[in-house]
Amino acid sequence: MELGRPAKTARSELVRALFTLRDGASRLLRMRGRCLNYLNPHPEERS
């Protein structure tokens, strides 16, 4: 049984999961920004 391969596979799975999470987080932030812009189109006027 090869010991290096499962660890390498697990690491690549972890990396893929991290990239997916980061992509989802950036998409959520973009959506949140769009919602905030919709609710408050001119945030600079309030300050």
Protein backbone atom coordinates (compact mmCIF):
# COMPACT_ATOMS: atom_id res chain seq x y z
CA MET A 1 0.00 0.00 0.00
CA GLU A 2 1.30 3.42 -0.97
CA LEU A 3 1.28 5.96 1.83
CA GLY A 4 2.05 9.14 -0.13
CA ARG A 5 -0.89 9.03 -2.53
CA PRO A 6 -3.84 9.24 -0.11
CA ALA A 7 -2.26 12.17 1.70
CA LYS A 8 -1.63 13.93 -1.62
CA THR A 9 -5.22 13.27 -2.72
CA ALA A 10 -6.56 14.57 0.58
CA ARG A 11 -4.43 17.70 0.25
CA SER A 12 -5.64 18.36 -3.28
CA GLU A 13 -9.23 17.86 -2.09
CA LEU A 14 -8.59 20.36 0.70
CA VAL A 15 -7.11 22.87 -1.74
CA ARG A 16 -10.09 22.46 -4.06
CA ALA A 17 -12.48 22.94 -1.14
CA LEU A 18 -10.60 26.09 -0.08
CA PHE A 19 -10.78 27.52 -3.60
CA THR A 20 -14.51 26.72 -3.75
CA LEU A 21 -15.06 28.42 -0.39
CA ARG A 22 -13.10 31.49 -1.46
CA ASP A 23 -15.02 31.68 -4.73
CA GLY A 24 -18.33 31.35 -2.90
CA ALA A 25 -17.31 33.97 -0.34
CA SER A 26 -16.32 36.48 -3.03
CA ARG A 27 -19.60 35.80 -4.83
CA LEU A 28 -21.52 36.37 -1.59
CA LEU A 29 -19.62 39.61 -0.93
CA ARG A 30 -20.38 40.81 -4.44
CA MET A 31 -24.07 39.97 -4.00
CA ARG A 32 -24.09 41.71 -0.60
CA GLY A 33 -22.48 44.79 -2.13
CA ARG A 34 -25.10 44.82 -4.88
CA CYS A 35 -27.88 44.57 -2.27
CA LEU A 36 -26.35 47.40 -0.23
CA ASN A 37 -26.04 49.53 -3.36
CA TYR A 38 -29.69 48.81 -4.15
CA LEU A 39 -30.85 49.75 -0.64
CA ASN A 40 -28.52 52.73 -0.34
CA PRO A 41 -27.44 53.93 -3.81
CA HIS A 42 -25.36 56.85 -2.56
CA PRO A 43 -23.56 55.90 0.67
CA GLU A 44 -21.21 58.89 0.42
CA GLU A 45 -24.12 61.32 0.87
CA ARG A 46 -24.94 59.97 4.32
CA SER A 47 -21.51 60.58 5.87
